[in-house]
Amino acid sequence: MAQTIRKLFFQSGRFVQVFVLTHSLYFFYELTDASQERRREYQKLIRMVKPQSGTRIQDMKYEEIQNDYQAYWSVV
């Protein structure tokens, strides 16, 4: 599925901007560009945080992505 999305939306040149929301770490890695230079130029990563005060959108770096195990231990 991720390869189809990359081909139809990212590589076709038909769209200026595409938003993809996912909770799946595997799907995320499939969609992001492997090249750090191209990723910085063409992809912007954001995180939606939903505290009790309301939803916030934050910029994030590719290196900040954590799997469930890493996220769990950073909270503990």
PDB file of N, CA and C in Angstrom:
ATOM      1  N   MET A   1       0.817  -1.193   0.000  1.00  0.00           N
ATOM      2  CA  MET A   1       0.000   0.000   0.000  1.00  0.00           C
ATOM      3  C   MET A   1       0.866   1.265   0.000  1.00  0.00           C
ATOM      4  N   ALA A   2       1.921   1.270   0.810  1.00  0.00           N
ATOM      5  CA  ALA A   2       2.776   2.448   0.899  1.00  0.00           C
ATOM      6  C   ALA A   2       3.434   2.755  -0.446  1.00  0.00           C
ATOM      7  N   GLN A   3       3.861   1.727  -1.159  1.00  0.00           N
ATOM      8  CA  GLN A   3       4.498   1.944  -2.465  1.00  0.00           C
ATOM      9  C   GLN A   3       3.512   2.534  -3.468  1.00  0.00           C
ATOM     10  N   THR A   4       2.271   2.124  -3.392  1.00  0.00           N
ATOM     11  CA  THR A   4       1.236   2.671  -4.269  1.00  0.00           C
ATOM     12  C   THR A   4       1.007   4.144  -3.966  1.00  0.00           C
ATOM     13  N   ILE A   5       0.948   4.495  -2.704  1.00  0.00           N
ATOM     14  CA  ILE A   5       0.775   5.898  -2.305  1.00  0.00           C
ATOM     15  C   ILE A   5       1.960   6.731  -2.766  1.00  0.00           C
ATOM     16  N   ARG A   6       3.163   6.213  -2.570  1.00  0.00           N
ATOM     17  CA  ARG A   6       4.367   6.943  -3.023  1.00  0.00           C
ATOM     18  C   ARG A   6       4.308   7.199  -4.521  1.00  0.00           C
ATOM     19  N   LYS A   7       3.948   6.170  -5.277  1.00  0.00           N
ATOM     20  CA  LYS A   7       3.923   6.302  -6.735  1.00  0.00           C
ATOM     21  C   LYS A   7       2.824   7.253  -7.203  1.00  0.00           C
ATOM     22  N   LEU A   8       1.613   7.086  -6.684  1.00  0.00           N
ATOM     23  CA  LEU A   8       0.477   7.891  -7.142  1.00  0.00           C
ATOM     24  C   LEU A   8       0.511   9.341  -6.665  1.00  0.00           C
ATOM     25  N   PHE A   9       0.940   9.546  -5.438  1.00  0.00           N
ATOM     26  CA  PHE A   9       0.853  10.888  -4.857  1.00  0.00           C
ATOM     27  C   PHE A   9       2.187  11.625  -4.790  1.00  0.00           C
ATOM     28  N   PHE A  10       3.250  10.933  -4.430  1.00  0.00           N
ATOM     29  CA  PHE A  10       4.529  11.622  -4.234  1.00  0.00           C
ATOM     30  C   PHE A  10       5.338  11.756  -5.520  1.00  0.00           C
ATOM     31  N   GLN A  11       5.363  10.724  -6.330  1.00  0.00           N
ATOM     32  CA  GLN A  11       6.256  10.711  -7.488  1.00  0.00           C
ATOM     33  C   GLN A  11       5.579  11.124  -8.788  1.00  0.00           C
ATOM     34  N   SER A  12       4.282  11.284  -8.783  1.00  0.00           N
ATOM     35  CA  SER A  12       3.569  11.597 -10.026  1.00  0.00           C
ATOM     36  C   SER A  12       3.700  13.062 -10.436  1.00  0.00           C
ATOM     37  N   GLY A  13       3.969  13.945  -9.475  1.00  0.00           N
ATOM     38  CA  GLY A  13       4.050  15.366  -9.786  1.00  0.00           C
ATOM     39  C   GLY A  13       2.694  16.031  -9.940  1.00  0.00           C
ATOM     40  N   ARG A  14       1.617  15.292  -9.712  1.00  0.00           N
ATOM     41  CA  ARG A  14       0.268  15.841  -9.858  1.00  0.00           C
ATOM     42  C   ARG A  14      -0.179  16.635  -8.641  1.00  0.00           C
ATOM     43  N   PHE A  15       0.461  16.416  -7.506  1.00  0.00           N
ATOM     44  CA  PHE A  15       0.025  17.047  -6.262  1.00  0.00           C
ATOM     45  C   PHE A  15       1.146  17.903  -5.681  1.00  0.00           C
ATOM     46  N   VAL A  16       0.779  19.050  -5.159  1.00  0.00           N
ATOM     47  CA  VAL A  16       1.741  19.952  -4.542  1.00  0.00           C
ATOM     48  C   VAL A  16       1.966  19.569  -3.083  1.00  0.00           C
ATOM     49  N   GLN A  17       0.900  19.107  -2.442  1.00  0.00           N
ATOM     50  CA  GLN A  17       0.982  18.804  -1.017  1.00  0.00           C
ATOM     51  C   GLN A  17       0.114  17.585  -0.717  1.00  0.00           C
ATOM     52  N   VAL A  18       0.665  16.684   0.087  1.00  0.00           N
ATOM     53  CA  VAL A  18      -0.047  15.469   0.481  1.00  0.00           C
ATOM     54  C   VAL A  18       0.120  15.293   1.981  1.00  0.00           C
ATOM     55  N   PHE A  19      -0.982  15.052   2.684  1.00  0.00           N
ATOM     56  CA  PHE A  19      -0.949  14.774   4.114  1.00  0.00           C
ATOM     57  C   PHE A  19      -1.237  13.293   4.327  1.00  0.00           C
ATOM     58  N   VAL A  20      -0.397  12.634   5.090  1.00  0.00           N
ATOM     59  CA  VAL A  20      -0.613  11.232   5.430  1.00  0.00           C
ATOM     60  C   VAL A  20      -0.555  11.118   6.947  1.00  0.00           C
ATOM     61  N   LEU A  21      -1.624  10.624   7.537  1.00  0.00           N
ATOM     62  CA  LEU A  21      -1.679  10.418   8.983  1.00  0.00           C
ATOM     63  C   LEU A  21      -1.619   8.916   9.253  1.00  0.00           C
ATOM     64  N   THR A  22      -0.741   8.512  10.162  1.00  0.00           N
ATOM     65  CA  THR A  22      -0.632   7.096  10.464  1.00  0.00           C
ATOM     66  C   THR A  22      -0.166   6.873  11.897  1.00  0.00           C
ATOM     67  N   HIS A  23      -0.584   5.742  12.449  1.00  0.00           N
ATOM     68  CA  HIS A  23      -0.069   5.278  13.735  1.00  0.00           C
ATOM     69  C   HIS A  23       0.926   4.150  13.533  1.00  0.00           C
ATOM     70  N   SER A  24       1.020   3.667  12.316  1.00  0.00           N
ATOM     71  CA  SER A  24       1.859   2.509  12.020  1.00  0.00           C
ATOM     72  C   SER A  24       3.304   2.933  11.745  1.00  0.00           C
ATOM     73  N   LEU A  25       4.207   2.465  12.575  1.00  0.00           N
ATOM     74  CA  LEU A  25       5.622   2.795  12.403  1.00  0.00           C
ATOM     75  C   LEU A  25       6.154   2.184  11.109  1.00  0.00           C
ATOM     76  N   TYR A  26       5.772   0.955  10.818  1.00  0.00           N
ATOM     77  CA  TYR A  26       6.218   0.299   9.592  1.00  0.00           C
ATOM     78  C   TYR A  26       5.746   1.080   8.361  1.00  0.00           C
ATOM     79  N   PHE A  27       4.481   1.472   8.344  1.00  0.00           N
ATOM     80  CA  PHE A  27       3.927   2.248   7.230  1.00  0.00           C
ATOM     81  C   PHE A  27       4.655   3.582   7.099  1.00  0.00           C
ATOM     82  N   PHE A  28       4.950   4.223   8.214  1.00  0.00           N
ATOM     83  CA  PHE A  28       5.681   5.487   8.215  1.00  0.00           C
ATOM     84  C   PHE A  28       7.043   5.330   7.540  1.00  0.00           C
ATOM     85  N   TYR A  29       7.796   4.298   7.926  1.00  0.00           N
ATOM     86  CA  TYR A  29       9.117   4.074   7.335  1.00  0.00           C
ATOM     87  C   TYR A  29       9.020   3.744   5.846  1.00  0.00           C
ATOM     88  N   GLU A  30       7.951   3.087   5.436  1.00  0.00           N
ATOM     89  CA  GLU A  30       7.756   2.793   4.024  1.00  0.00           C
ATOM     90  C   GLU A  30       7.500   4.065   3.211  1.00  0.00           C
ATOM     91  N   LEU A  31       6.843   5.048   3.810  1.00  0.00           N
ATOM     92  CA  LEU A  31       6.504   6.282   3.091  1.00  0.00           C
ATOM     93  C   LEU A  31       7.634   7.301   3.067  1.00  0.00           C
ATOM     94  N   THR A  32       8.417   7.354   4.114  1.00  0.00           N
ATOM     95  CA  THR A  32       9.464   8.377   4.173  1.00  0.00           C
ATOM     96  C   THR A  32      10.601   8.030   3.225  1.00  0.00           C
ATOM     97  N   ASP A  33      11.210   9.053   2.693  1.00  0.00           N
ATOM     98  CA  ASP A  33      12.309   8.883   1.745  1.00  0.00           C
ATOM     99  C   ASP A  33      13.554   8.408   2.489  1.00  0.00           C
ATOM    100  N   ALA A  34      14.263   7.442   1.928  1.00  0.00           N
ATOM    101  CA  ALA A  34      15.475   6.912   2.560  1.00  0.00           C
ATOM    102  C   ALA A  34      16.622   7.916   2.517  1.00  0.00           C
ATOM    103  N   SER A  35      16.619   8.796   1.540  1.00  0.00           N
ATOM    104  CA  SER A  35      17.676   9.789   1.398  1.00  0.00           C
ATOM    105  C   SER A  35      17.424  10.967   2.338  1.00  0.00           C
ATOM    106  N   GLN A  36      18.373  11.220   3.209  1.00  0.00           N
ATOM    107  CA  GLN A  36      18.224  12.310   4.174  1.00  0.00           C
ATOM    108  C   GLN A  36      18.092  13.660   3.470  1.00  0.00           C
ATOM    109  N   GLU A  37      18.847  13.870   2.409  1.00  0.00           N
ATOM    110  CA  GLU A  37      18.795  15.153   1.694  1.00  0.00           C
ATOM    111  C   GLU A  37      17.423  15.375   1.044  1.00  0.00           C
ATOM    112  N   ARG A  38      16.920  14.368   0.343  1.00  0.00           N
ATOM    113  CA  ARG A  38      15.595  14.501  -0.284  1.00  0.00           C
ATOM    114  C   ARG A  38      14.501  14.625   0.766  1.00  0.00           C
ATOM    115  N   ARG A  39      14.638  13.891   1.859  1.00  0.00           N
ATOM    116  CA  ARG A  39      13.635  13.953   2.920  1.00  0.00           C
ATOM    117  C   ARG A  39      13.572  15.364   3.496  1.00  0.00           C
ATOM    118  N   ARG A  40      14.706  15.970   3.736  1.00  0.00           N
ATOM    119  CA  ARG A  40      14.719  17.344   4.269  1.00  0.00           C
ATOM    120  C   ARG A  40      14.148  18.346   3.282  1.00  0.00           C
ATOM    121  N   GLU A  41      14.358  18.102   1.992  1.00  0.00           N
ATOM    122  CA  GLU A  41      13.887  19.038   0.984  1.00  0.00           C
ATOM    123  C   GLU A  41      12.397  18.892   0.680  1.00  0.00           C
ATOM    124  N   TYR A  42      11.885  17.654   0.642  1.00  0.00           N
ATOM    125  CA  TYR A  42      10.531  17.415   0.156  1.00  0.00           C
ATOM    126  C   TYR A  42       9.525  16.950   1.199  1.00  0.00           C
ATOM    127  N   GLN A  43       9.993  16.497   2.355  1.00  0.00           N
ATOM    128  CA  GLN A  43       9.052  15.969   3.342  1.00  0.00           C
ATOM    129  C   GLN A  43       9.170  16.735   4.654  1.00  0.00           C
ATOM    130  N   LYS A  44       8.040  17.086   5.210  1.00  0.00           N
ATOM    131  CA  LYS A  44       7.994  17.741   6.515  1.00  0.00           C
ATOM    132  C   LYS A  44       7.272  16.803   7.463  1.00  0.00           C
ATOM    133  N   LEU A  45       7.900  16.501   8.565  1.00  0.00           N
ATOM    134  CA  LEU A  45       7.316  15.590   9.534  1.00  0.00           C
ATOM    135  C   LEU A  45       6.731  16.391  10.686  1.00  0.00           C
ATOM    136  N   ILE A  46       5.511  16.053  11.049  1.00  0.00           N
ATOM    137  CA  ILE A  46       4.866  16.715  12.179  1.00  0.00           C
ATOM    138  C   ILE A  46       4.270  15.662  13.100  1.00  0.00           C
ATOM    139  N   ARG A  47       4.053  16.047  14.317  1.00  0.00           N
ATOM    140  CA  ARG A  47       3.429  15.168  15.307  1.00  0.00           C
ATOM    141  C   ARG A  47       2.229  15.887  15.883  1.00  0.00           C
ATOM    142  N   MET A  48       1.111  15.182  15.959  1.00  0.00           N
ATOM    143  CA  MET A  48      -0.078  15.732  16.620  1.00  0.00           C
ATOM    144  C   MET A  48      -0.079  15.235  18.056  1.00  0.00           C
ATOM    145  N   VAL A  49      -0.126  16.160  18.990  1.00  0.00           N
ATOM    146  CA  VAL A  49      -0.143  15.841  20.406  1.00  0.00           C
ATOM    147  C   VAL A  49      -1.493  16.259  20.946  1.00  0.00           C
ATOM    148  N   LYS A  50      -2.122  15.384  21.724  1.00  0.00           N
ATOM    149  CA  LYS A  50      -3.471  15.677  22.214  1.00  0.00           C
ATOM    150  C   LYS A  50      -3.509  15.680  23.741  1.00  0.00           C
ATOM    151  N   PRO A  51      -2.942  16.718  24.367  1.00  0.00           N
ATOM    152  CA  PRO A  51      -3.093  16.829  25.824  1.00  0.00           C
ATOM    153  C   PRO A  51      -4.510  17.282  26.167  1.00  0.00           C
ATOM    154  N   GLN A  52      -4.803  17.366  27.429  1.00  0.00           N
ATOM    155  CA  GLN A  52      -6.159  17.759  27.850  1.00  0.00           C
ATOM    156  C   GLN A  52      -6.518  19.168  27.408  1.00  0.00           C
ATOM    157  N   SER A  53      -5.513  20.014  27.227  1.00  0.00           N
ATOM    158  CA  SER A  53      -5.785  21.407  26.858  1.00  0.00           C
ATOM    159  C   SER A  53      -6.156  21.584  25.385  1.00  0.00           C
ATOM    160  N   GLY A  54      -6.016  20.537  24.559  1.00  0.00           N
ATOM    161  CA  GLY A  54      -6.366  20.637  23.146  1.00  0.00           C
ATOM    162  C   GLY A  54      -5.254  20.097  22.269  1.00  0.00           C
ATOM    163  N   THR A  55      -5.533  19.952  21.011  1.00  0.00           N
ATOM    164  CA  THR A  55      -4.572  19.380  20.075  1.00  0.00           C
ATOM    165  C   THR A  55      -3.504  20.399  19.700  1.00  0.00           C
ATOM    166  N   ARG A  56      -2.247  19.934  19.688  1.00  0.00           N
ATOM    167  CA  ARG A  56      -1.115  20.759  19.234  1.00  0.00           C
ATOM    168  C   ARG A  56      -0.417  20.031  18.096  1.00  0.00           C
ATOM    169  N   ILE A  57       0.116  20.802  17.165  1.00  0.00           N
ATOM    170  CA  ILE A  57       0.901  20.240  16.071  1.00  0.00           C
ATOM    171  C   ILE A  57       2.330  20.725  16.242  1.00  0.00           C
ATOM    172  N   GLN A  58       3.259  19.767  16.259  1.00  0.00           N
ATOM    173  CA  GLN A  58       4.667  20.086  16.486  1.00  0.00           C
ATOM    174  C   GLN A  58       5.509  19.581  15.319  1.00  0.00           C
ATOM    175  N   ASP A  59       6.518  20.358  14.954  1.00  0.00           N
ATOM    176  CA  ASP A  59       7.503  19.858  13.996  1.00  0.00           C
ATOM    177  C   ASP A  59       8.299  18.756  14.673  1.00  0.00           C
ATOM    178  N   MET A  60       8.736  17.797  13.892  1.00  0.00           N
ATOM    179  CA  MET A  60       9.561  16.747  14.463  1.00  0.00           C
ATOM    180  C   MET A  60      10.643  16.338  13.474  1.00  0.00           C
ATOM    181  N   LYS A  61      11.668  15.711  14.002  1.00  0.00           N
ATOM    182  CA  LYS A  61      12.770  15.227  13.188  1.00  0.00           C
ATOM    183  C   LYS A  61      12.623  13.723  12.988  1.00  0.00           C
ATOM    184  N   TYR A  62      13.140  13.246  11.886  1.00  0.00           N
ATOM    185  CA  TYR A  62      13.084  11.824  11.562  1.00  0.00           C
ATOM    186  C   TYR A  62      13.725  10.988  12.674  1.00  0.00           C
ATOM    187  N   GLU A  63      14.769  11.510  13.268  1.00  0.00           N
ATOM    188  CA  GLU A  63      15.498  10.795  14.317  1.00  0.00           C
ATOM    189  C   GLU A  63      14.699  10.670  15.613  1.00  0.00           C
ATOM    190  N   GLU A  64      13.621  11.429  15.751  1.00  0.00           N
ATOM    191  CA  GLU A  64      12.801  11.386  16.962  1.00  0.00           C
ATOM    192  C   GLU A  64      11.783  10.245  16.962  1.00  0.00           C
ATOM    193  N   ILE A  65      11.647   9.556  15.849  1.00  0.00           N
ATOM    194  CA  ILE A  65      10.680   8.471  15.755  1.00  0.00           C
ATOM    195  C   ILE A  65      11.129   7.331  16.662  1.00  0.00           C
ATOM    196  N   GLN A  66      10.199   6.839  17.456  1.00  0.00           N
ATOM    197  CA  GLN A  66      10.494   5.747  18.370  1.00  0.00           C
ATOM    198  C   GLN A  66       9.504   4.610  18.142  1.00  0.00           C
ATOM    199  N   ASN A  67       9.990   3.406  18.347  1.00  0.00           N
ATOM    200  CA  ASN A  67       9.045   2.297  18.305  1.00  0.00           C
ATOM    201  C   ASN A  67       8.327   2.231  19.650  1.00  0.00           C
ATOM    202  N   ASP A  68       7.349   1.358  19.783  1.00  0.00           N
ATOM    203  CA  ASP A  68       6.556   1.266  21.011  1.00  0.00           C
ATOM    204  C   ASP A  68       7.426   0.977  22.233  1.00  0.00           C
ATOM    205  N   TYR A  69       8.405   0.117  22.072  1.00  0.00           N
ATOM    206  CA  TYR A  69       9.291  -0.255  23.176  1.00  0.00           C
ATOM    207  C   TYR A  69      10.090   0.962  23.662  1.00  0.00           C
ATOM    208  N   GLN A  70      10.678   1.706  22.735  1.00  0.00           N
ATOM    209  CA  GLN A  70      11.442   2.904  23.093  1.00  0.00           C
ATOM    210  C   GLN A  70      10.551   3.948  23.747  1.00  0.00           C
ATOM    211  N   ALA A  71       9.362   4.156  23.204  1.00  0.00           N
ATOM    212  CA  ALA A  71       8.434   5.139  23.760  1.00  0.00           C
ATOM    213  C   ALA A  71       8.029   4.773  25.175  1.00  0.00           C
ATOM    214  N   TYR A  72       7.771   3.486  25.406  1.00  0.00           N
ATOM    215  CA  TYR A  72       7.388   3.029  26.737  1.00  0.00           C
ATOM    216  C   TYR A  72       8.477   3.342  27.758  1.00  0.00           C
ATOM    217  N   TRP A  73       9.721   3.044  27.441  1.00  0.00           N
ATOM    218  CA  TRP A  73      10.809   3.261  28.400  1.00  0.00           C
ATOM    219  C   TRP A  73      11.151   4.738  28.571  1.00  0.00           C
ATOM    220  N   SER A  74      10.855   5.565  27.588  1.00  0.00           N
ATOM    221  CA  SER A  74      11.104   6.996  27.783  1.00  0.00           C
ATOM    222  C   SER A  74      10.083   7.589  28.748  1.00  0.00           C
ATOM    223  N   VAL A  75       8.878   6.983  28.832  1.00  0.00           N
ATOM    224  CA  VAL A  75       7.862   7.441  29.776  1.00  0.00           C
ATOM    225  C   VAL A  75       8.188   6.946  31.176  1.00  0.00           C
ATOM    226  N   VAL A  76       8.633   5.695  31.268  1.00  0.00           N
ATOM    227  CA  VAL A  76       8.955   5.101  32.570  1.00  0.00           C
ATOM    228  C   VAL A  76      10.215   5.732  33.069  1.00  0.00           C
TER     229      VAL A  76
END
